[in-house]
Amino acid sequence: MAVSKVSLVVVMIIALLYTVALPSAHAQSTAPAPAPASDGTTIDQGVAYVLMLVALVLTYLIHPLDA
């Protein structure tokens, strides 16, 4: 029983090594990464929308306390 467990571990290690090594043997050079699609204005606009939503929620939470 112990021999079969050891051989199974050896086979699994060899399979893992082949899985890691073989794709790199057939690798091709990759194309350069494309240029960014935005110049940061999209991120700024997203942050602005989140801040406006937070302000709106806070307004509705604080408003009932005034009544």
PDB file of N, CA and C in Angstrom:
ATOM      1  N   MET A   1       0.826  -1.189   0.000  1.00  0.00           N
ATOM      2  CA  MET A   1       0.000   0.000   0.000  1.00  0.00           C
ATOM      3  C   MET A   1       0.874   1.259   0.000  1.00  0.00           C
ATOM      4  N   ALA A   2       1.960   1.222   0.770  1.00  0.00           N
ATOM      5  CA  ALA A   2       2.830   2.387   0.865  1.00  0.00           C
ATOM      6  C   ALA A   2       3.546   2.649  -0.458  1.00  0.00           C
ATOM      7  N   VAL A   3       3.859   1.572  -1.186  1.00  0.00           N
ATOM      8  CA  VAL A   3       4.548   1.740  -2.459  1.00  0.00           C
ATOM      9  C   VAL A   3       3.627   2.433  -3.460  1.00  0.00           C
ATOM     10  N   SER A   4       2.370   2.104  -3.452  1.00  0.00           N
ATOM     11  CA  SER A   4       1.457   2.717  -4.400  1.00  0.00           C
ATOM     12  C   SER A   4       1.246   4.199  -4.087  1.00  0.00           C
ATOM     13  N   LYS A   5       1.253   4.566  -2.787  1.00  0.00           N
ATOM     14  CA  LYS A   5       1.112   5.979  -2.424  1.00  0.00           C
ATOM     15  C   LYS A   5       2.334   6.768  -2.868  1.00  0.00           C
ATOM     16  N   VAL A   6       3.506   6.178  -2.692  1.00  0.00           N
ATOM     17  CA  VAL A   6       4.735   6.860  -3.096  1.00  0.00           C
ATOM     18  C   VAL A   6       4.772   7.015  -4.608  1.00  0.00           C
ATOM     19  N   SER A   7       4.407   5.965  -5.317  1.00  0.00           N
ATOM     20  CA  SER A   7       4.430   6.056  -6.778  1.00  0.00           C
ATOM     21  C   SER A   7       3.382   7.053  -7.270  1.00  0.00           C
ATOM     22  N   LEU A   8       2.255   7.130  -6.602  1.00  0.00           N
ATOM     23  CA  LEU A   8       1.237   8.100  -6.981  1.00  0.00           C
ATOM     24  C   LEU A   8       1.757   9.526  -6.782  1.00  0.00           C
ATOM     25  N   VAL A   9       2.453   9.769  -5.685  1.00  0.00           N
ATOM     26  CA  VAL A   9       3.021  11.090  -5.427  1.00  0.00           C
ATOM     27  C   VAL A   9       4.069  11.427  -6.476  1.00  0.00           C
ATOM     28  N   VAL A  10       4.898  10.456  -6.845  1.00  0.00           N
ATOM     29  CA  VAL A  10       5.927  10.681  -7.863  1.00  0.00           C
ATOM     30  C   VAL A  10       5.281  11.012  -9.211  1.00  0.00           C
ATOM     31  N   VAL A  11       4.250  10.277  -9.565  1.00  0.00           N
ATOM     32  CA  VAL A  11       3.556  10.528 -10.827  1.00  0.00           C
ATOM     33  C   VAL A  11       2.909  11.912 -10.810  1.00  0.00           C
ATOM     34  N   MET A  12       2.337  12.292  -9.683  1.00  0.00           N
ATOM     35  CA  MET A  12       1.714  13.611  -9.589  1.00  0.00           C
ATOM     36  C   MET A  12       2.751  14.724  -9.714  1.00  0.00           C
ATOM     37  N   ILE A  13       3.911  14.541  -9.118  1.00  0.00           N
ATOM     38  CA  ILE A  13       4.970  15.548  -9.217  1.00  0.00           C
ATOM     39  C   ILE A  13       5.474  15.659 -10.647  1.00  0.00           C
ATOM     40  N   ILE A  14       5.649  14.517 -11.310  1.00  0.00           N
ATOM     41  CA  ILE A  14       6.095  14.542 -12.711  1.00  0.00           C
ATOM     42  C   ILE A  14       5.048  15.210 -13.591  1.00  0.00           C
ATOM     43  N   ALA A  15       3.781  14.921 -13.347  1.00  0.00           N
ATOM     44  CA  ALA A  15       2.711  15.556 -14.124  1.00  0.00           C
ATOM     45  C   ALA A  15       2.698  17.062 -13.898  1.00  0.00           C
ATOM     46  N   LEU A  16       2.920  17.489 -12.661  1.00  0.00           N
ATOM     47  CA  LEU A  16       2.972  18.914 -12.366  1.00  0.00           C
ATOM     48  C   LEU A  16       4.144  19.581 -13.078  1.00  0.00           C
ATOM     49  N   LEU A  17       5.296  18.921 -13.084  1.00  0.00           N
ATOM     50  CA  LEU A  17       6.457  19.484 -13.777  1.00  0.00           C
ATOM     51  C   LEU A  17       6.205  19.595 -15.279  1.00  0.00           C
ATOM     52  N   TYR A  18       5.586  18.574 -15.875  1.00  0.00           N
ATOM     53  CA  TYR A  18       5.257  18.653 -17.298  1.00  0.00           C
ATOM     54  C   TYR A  18       4.239  19.759 -17.570  1.00  0.00           C
ATOM     55  N   THR A  19       3.289  19.916 -16.669  1.00  0.00           N
ATOM     56  CA  THR A  19       2.274  20.943 -16.848  1.00  0.00           C
ATOM     57  C   THR A  19       2.897  22.334 -16.832  1.00  0.00           C
ATOM     58  N   VAL A  20       3.893  22.523 -16.001  1.00  0.00           N
ATOM     59  CA  VAL A  20       4.545  23.827 -15.894  1.00  0.00           C
ATOM     60  C   VAL A  20       5.557  24.028 -17.023  1.00  0.00           C
ATOM     61  N   ALA A  21       6.309  22.985 -17.375  1.00  0.00           N
ATOM     62  CA  ALA A  21       7.430  23.139 -18.301  1.00  0.00           C
ATOM     63  C   ALA A  21       7.017  23.122 -19.764  1.00  0.00           C
ATOM     64  N   LEU A  22       6.062  22.300 -20.141  1.00  0.00           N
ATOM     65  CA  LEU A  22       5.755  22.153 -21.562  1.00  0.00           C
ATOM     66  C   LEU A  22       5.136  23.391 -22.193  1.00  0.00           C
ATOM     67  N   PRO A  23       4.219  24.089 -21.562  1.00  0.00           N
ATOM     68  CA  PRO A  23       3.693  25.294 -22.222  1.00  0.00           C
ATOM     69  C   PRO A  23       4.762  26.344 -22.491  1.00  0.00           C
ATOM     70  N   SER A  24       5.751  26.458 -21.615  1.00  0.00           N
ATOM     71  CA  SER A  24       6.796  27.448 -21.848  1.00  0.00           C
ATOM     72  C   SER A  24       7.712  27.030 -22.991  1.00  0.00           C
ATOM     73  N   ALA A  25       7.786  25.748 -23.292  1.00  0.00           N
ATOM     74  CA  ALA A  25       8.611  25.292 -24.406  1.00  0.00           C
ATOM     75  C   ALA A  25       7.998  25.691 -25.735  1.00  0.00           C
ATOM     76  N   HIS A  26       6.683  25.799 -25.792  1.00  0.00           N
ATOM     77  CA  HIS A  26       5.991  26.142 -27.028  1.00  0.00           C
ATOM     78  C   HIS A  26       5.528  27.599 -27.043  1.00  0.00           C
ATOM     79  N   ALA A  27       6.026  28.375 -26.140  1.00  0.00           N
ATOM     80  CA  ALA A  27       5.563  29.760 -26.028  1.00  0.00           C
ATOM     81  C   ALA A  27       6.037  30.581 -27.224  1.00  0.00           C
ATOM     82  N   GLN A  28       5.200  31.516 -27.620  1.00  0.00           N
ATOM     83  CA  GLN A  28       5.545  32.439 -28.681  1.00  0.00           C
ATOM     84  C   GLN A  28       5.728  33.818 -28.067  1.00  0.00           C
ATOM     85  N   SER A  29       6.407  34.670 -28.779  1.00  0.00           N
ATOM     86  CA  SER A  29       6.559  36.020 -28.256  1.00  0.00           C
ATOM     87  C   SER A  29       5.199  36.709 -28.270  1.00  0.00           C
ATOM     88  N   THR A  30       4.897  37.408 -27.217  1.00  0.00           N
ATOM     89  CA  THR A  30       3.598  38.048 -27.109  1.00  0.00           C
ATOM     90  C   THR A  30       3.646  39.441 -27.726  1.00  0.00           C
ATOM     91  N   ALA A  31       2.513  39.879 -28.164  1.00  0.00           N
ATOM     92  CA  ALA A  31       2.409  41.213 -28.727  1.00  0.00           C
ATOM     93  C   ALA A  31       2.474  42.235 -27.598  1.00  0.00           C
ATOM     94  N   PRO A  32       2.906  43.444 -27.877  1.00  0.00           N
ATOM     95  CA  PRO A  32       2.934  44.457 -26.818  1.00  0.00           C
ATOM     96  C   PRO A  32       1.525  44.786 -26.344  1.00  0.00           C
ATOM     97  N   ALA A  33       1.443  45.201 -25.118  1.00  0.00           N
ATOM     98  CA  ALA A  33       0.148  45.522 -24.525  1.00  0.00           C
ATOM     99  C   ALA A  33      -0.463  46.734 -25.219  1.00  0.00           C
ATOM    100  N   PRO A  34      -1.783  46.731 -25.380  1.00  0.00           N
ATOM    101  CA  PRO A  34      -2.421  47.888 -26.020  1.00  0.00           C
ATOM    102  C   PRO A  34      -2.357  49.115 -25.110  1.00  0.00           C
ATOM    103  N   ALA A  35      -2.478  50.253 -25.716  1.00  0.00           N
ATOM    104  CA  ALA A  35      -2.467  51.498 -24.952  1.00  0.00           C
ATOM    105  C   ALA A  35      -3.714  51.568 -24.072  1.00  0.00           C
ATOM    106  N   PRO A  36      -3.644  52.258 -22.958  1.00  0.00           N
ATOM    107  CA  PRO A  36      -4.815  52.370 -22.091  1.00  0.00           C
ATOM    108  C   PRO A  36      -5.980  53.021 -22.829  1.00  0.00           C
ATOM    109  N   ALA A  37      -7.191  52.537 -22.532  1.00  0.00           N
ATOM    110  CA  ALA A  37      -8.367  53.031 -23.236  1.00  0.00           C
ATOM    111  C   ALA A  37      -8.832  54.380 -22.697  1.00  0.00           C
ATOM    112  N   SER A  38      -8.431  54.726 -21.483  1.00  0.00           N
ATOM    113  CA  SER A  38      -8.856  56.008 -20.921  1.00  0.00           C
ATOM    114  C   SER A  38      -7.641  56.756 -20.405  1.00  0.00           C
ATOM    115  N   ASP A  39      -7.802  58.058 -20.246  1.00  0.00           N
ATOM    116  CA  ASP A  39      -6.700  58.872 -19.748  1.00  0.00           C
ATOM    117  C   ASP A  39      -6.908  59.264 -18.296  1.00  0.00           C
ATOM    118  N   GLY A  40      -7.745  58.543 -17.597  1.00  0.00           N
ATOM    119  CA  GLY A  40      -7.983  58.819 -16.188  1.00  0.00           C
ATOM    120  C   GLY A  40      -9.258  59.581 -15.929  1.00  0.00           C
ATOM    121  N   THR A  41      -9.831  60.171 -16.957  1.00  0.00           N
ATOM    122  CA  THR A  41     -11.063  60.949 -16.730  1.00  0.00           C
ATOM    123  C   THR A  41     -12.224  60.038 -16.366  1.00  0.00           C
ATOM    124  N   THR A  42     -12.232  58.814 -16.882  1.00  0.00           N
ATOM    125  CA  THR A  42     -13.298  57.871 -16.539  1.00  0.00           C
ATOM    126  C   THR A  42     -13.237  57.522 -15.062  1.00  0.00           C
ATOM    127  N   ILE A  43     -12.042  57.338 -14.551  1.00  0.00           N
ATOM    128  CA  ILE A  43     -11.879  57.022 -13.134  1.00  0.00           C
ATOM    129  C   ILE A  43     -12.308  58.214 -12.283  1.00  0.00           C
ATOM    130  N   ASP A  44     -11.912  59.405 -12.701  1.00  0.00           N
ATOM    131  CA  ASP A  44     -12.309  60.608 -11.956  1.00  0.00           C
ATOM    132  C   ASP A  44     -13.823  60.764 -11.939  1.00  0.00           C
ATOM    133  N   GLN A  45     -14.456  60.490 -13.062  1.00  0.00           N
ATOM    134  CA  GLN A  45     -15.908  60.604 -13.121  1.00  0.00           C
ATOM    135  C   GLN A  45     -16.568  59.555 -12.238  1.00  0.00           C
ATOM    136  N   GLY A  46     -16.024  58.359 -12.191  1.00  0.00           N
ATOM    137  CA  GLY A  46     -16.554  57.317 -11.311  1.00  0.00           C
ATOM    138  C   GLY A  46     -16.442  57.698  -9.854  1.00  0.00           C
ATOM    139  N   VAL A  47     -15.311  58.272  -9.467  1.00  0.00           N
ATOM    140  CA  VAL A  47     -15.134  58.726  -8.086  1.00  0.00           C
ATOM    141  C   VAL A  47     -16.124  59.835  -7.769  1.00  0.00           C
ATOM    142  N   ALA A  48     -16.347  60.730  -8.707  1.00  0.00           N
ATOM    143  CA  ALA A  48     -17.295  61.820  -8.489  1.00  0.00           C
ATOM    144  C   ALA A  48     -18.708  61.278  -8.289  1.00  0.00           C
ATOM    145  N   TYR A  49     -19.113  60.300  -9.092  1.00  0.00           N
ATOM    146  CA  TYR A  49     -20.442  59.708  -8.932  1.00  0.00           C
ATOM    147  C   TYR A  49     -20.595  59.028  -7.571  1.00  0.00           C
ATOM    148  N   VAL A  50     -19.559  58.340  -7.125  1.00  0.00           N
ATOM    149  CA  VAL A  50     -19.618  57.670  -5.817  1.00  0.00           C
ATOM    150  C   VAL A  50     -19.742  58.701  -4.704  1.00  0.00           C
ATOM    151  N   LEU A  51     -18.978  59.787  -4.799  1.00  0.00           N
ATOM    152  CA  LEU A  51     -19.060  60.824  -3.773  1.00  0.00           C
ATOM    153  C   LEU A  51     -20.430  61.496  -3.765  1.00  0.00           C
ATOM    154  N   MET A  52     -21.009  61.720  -4.951  1.00  0.00           N
ATOM    155  CA  MET A  52     -22.352  62.304  -4.995  1.00  0.00           C
ATOM    156  C   MET A  52     -23.385  61.358  -4.407  1.00  0.00           C
ATOM    157  N   LEU A  53     -23.236  60.065  -4.652  1.00  0.00           N
ATOM    158  CA  LEU A  53     -24.155  59.083  -4.075  1.00  0.00           C
ATOM    159  C   LEU A  53     -24.032  59.046  -2.562  1.00  0.00           C
ATOM    160  N   VAL A  54     -22.817  59.124  -2.044  1.00  0.00           N
ATOM    161  CA  VAL A  54     -22.618  59.165  -0.594  1.00  0.00           C
ATOM    162  C   VAL A  54     -23.254  60.420  -0.008  1.00  0.00           C
ATOM    163  N   ALA A  55     -23.088  61.553  -0.671  1.00  0.00           N
ATOM    164  CA  ALA A  55     -23.701  62.797  -0.191  1.00  0.00           C
ATOM    165  C   ALA A  55     -25.217  62.697  -0.200  1.00  0.00           C
ATOM    166  N   LEU A  56     -25.794  62.081  -1.234  1.00  0.00           N
ATOM    167  CA  LEU A  56     -27.242  61.918  -1.302  1.00  0.00           C
ATOM    168  C   LEU A  56     -27.760  61.030  -0.180  1.00  0.00           C
ATOM    169  N   VAL A  57     -27.069  59.925   0.070  1.00  0.00           N
ATOM    170  CA  VAL A  57     -27.480  59.012   1.148  1.00  0.00           C
ATOM    171  C   VAL A  57     -27.380  59.714   2.496  1.00  0.00           C
ATOM    172  N   LEU A  58     -26.294  60.432   2.714  1.00  0.00           N
ATOM    173  CA  LEU A  58     -26.152  61.149   3.983  1.00  0.00           C
ATOM    174  C   LEU A  58     -27.234  62.214   4.150  1.00  0.00           C
ATOM    175  N   THR A  59     -27.587  62.877   3.068  1.00  0.00           N
ATOM    176  CA  THR A  59     -28.645  63.886   3.131  1.00  0.00           C
ATOM    177  C   THR A  59     -29.963  63.255   3.565  1.00  0.00           C
ATOM    178  N   TYR A  60     -30.317  62.106   2.974  1.00  0.00           N
ATOM    179  CA  TYR A  60     -31.573  61.457   3.337  1.00  0.00           C
ATOM    180  C   TYR A  60     -31.528  60.851   4.732  1.00  0.00           C
ATOM    181  N   LEU A  61     -30.344  60.487   5.209  1.00  0.00           N
ATOM    182  CA  LEU A  61     -30.242  59.960   6.577  1.00  0.00           C
ATOM    183  C   LEU A  61     -30.335  61.082   7.605  1.00  0.00           C
ATOM    184  N   ILE A  62     -29.768  62.215   7.307  1.00  0.00           N
ATOM    185  CA  ILE A  62     -29.768  63.328   8.266  1.00  0.00           C
ATOM    186  C   ILE A  62     -31.076  64.104   8.230  1.00  0.00           C
ATOM    187  N   HIS A  63     -31.745  64.170   7.071  1.00  0.00           N
ATOM    188  CA  HIS A  63     -32.970  64.976   6.920  1.00  0.00           C
ATOM    189  C   HIS A  63     -34.088  64.584   7.893  1.00  0.00           C
ATOM    190  N   PRO A  64     -34.364  63.324   8.135  1.00  0.00           N
ATOM    191  CA  PRO A  64     -35.443  62.985   9.078  1.00  0.00           C
ATOM    192  C   PRO A  64     -35.149  63.480  10.502  1.00  0.00           C
ATOM    193  N   LEU A  65     -33.898  63.687  10.825  1.00  0.00           N
ATOM    194  CA  LEU A  65     -33.570  64.156  12.168  1.00  0.00           C
ATOM    195  C   LEU A  65     -33.974  65.613  12.358  1.00  0.00           C
ATOM    196  N   ASP A  66     -34.092  66.381  11.257  1.00  0.00           N
ATOM    197  CA  ASP A  66     -34.495  67.784  11.353  1.00  0.00           C
ATOM    198  C   ASP A  66     -35.996  67.927  11.634  1.00  0.00           C
ATOM    199  N   ALA A  67     -36.795  66.974  11.257  1.00  0.00           N
ATOM    200  CA  ALA A  67     -38.252  67.091  11.380  1.00  0.00           C
ATOM    201  C   ALA A  67     -38.753  66.885  12.798  1.00  0.00           C
TER     202      ALA A  67
END
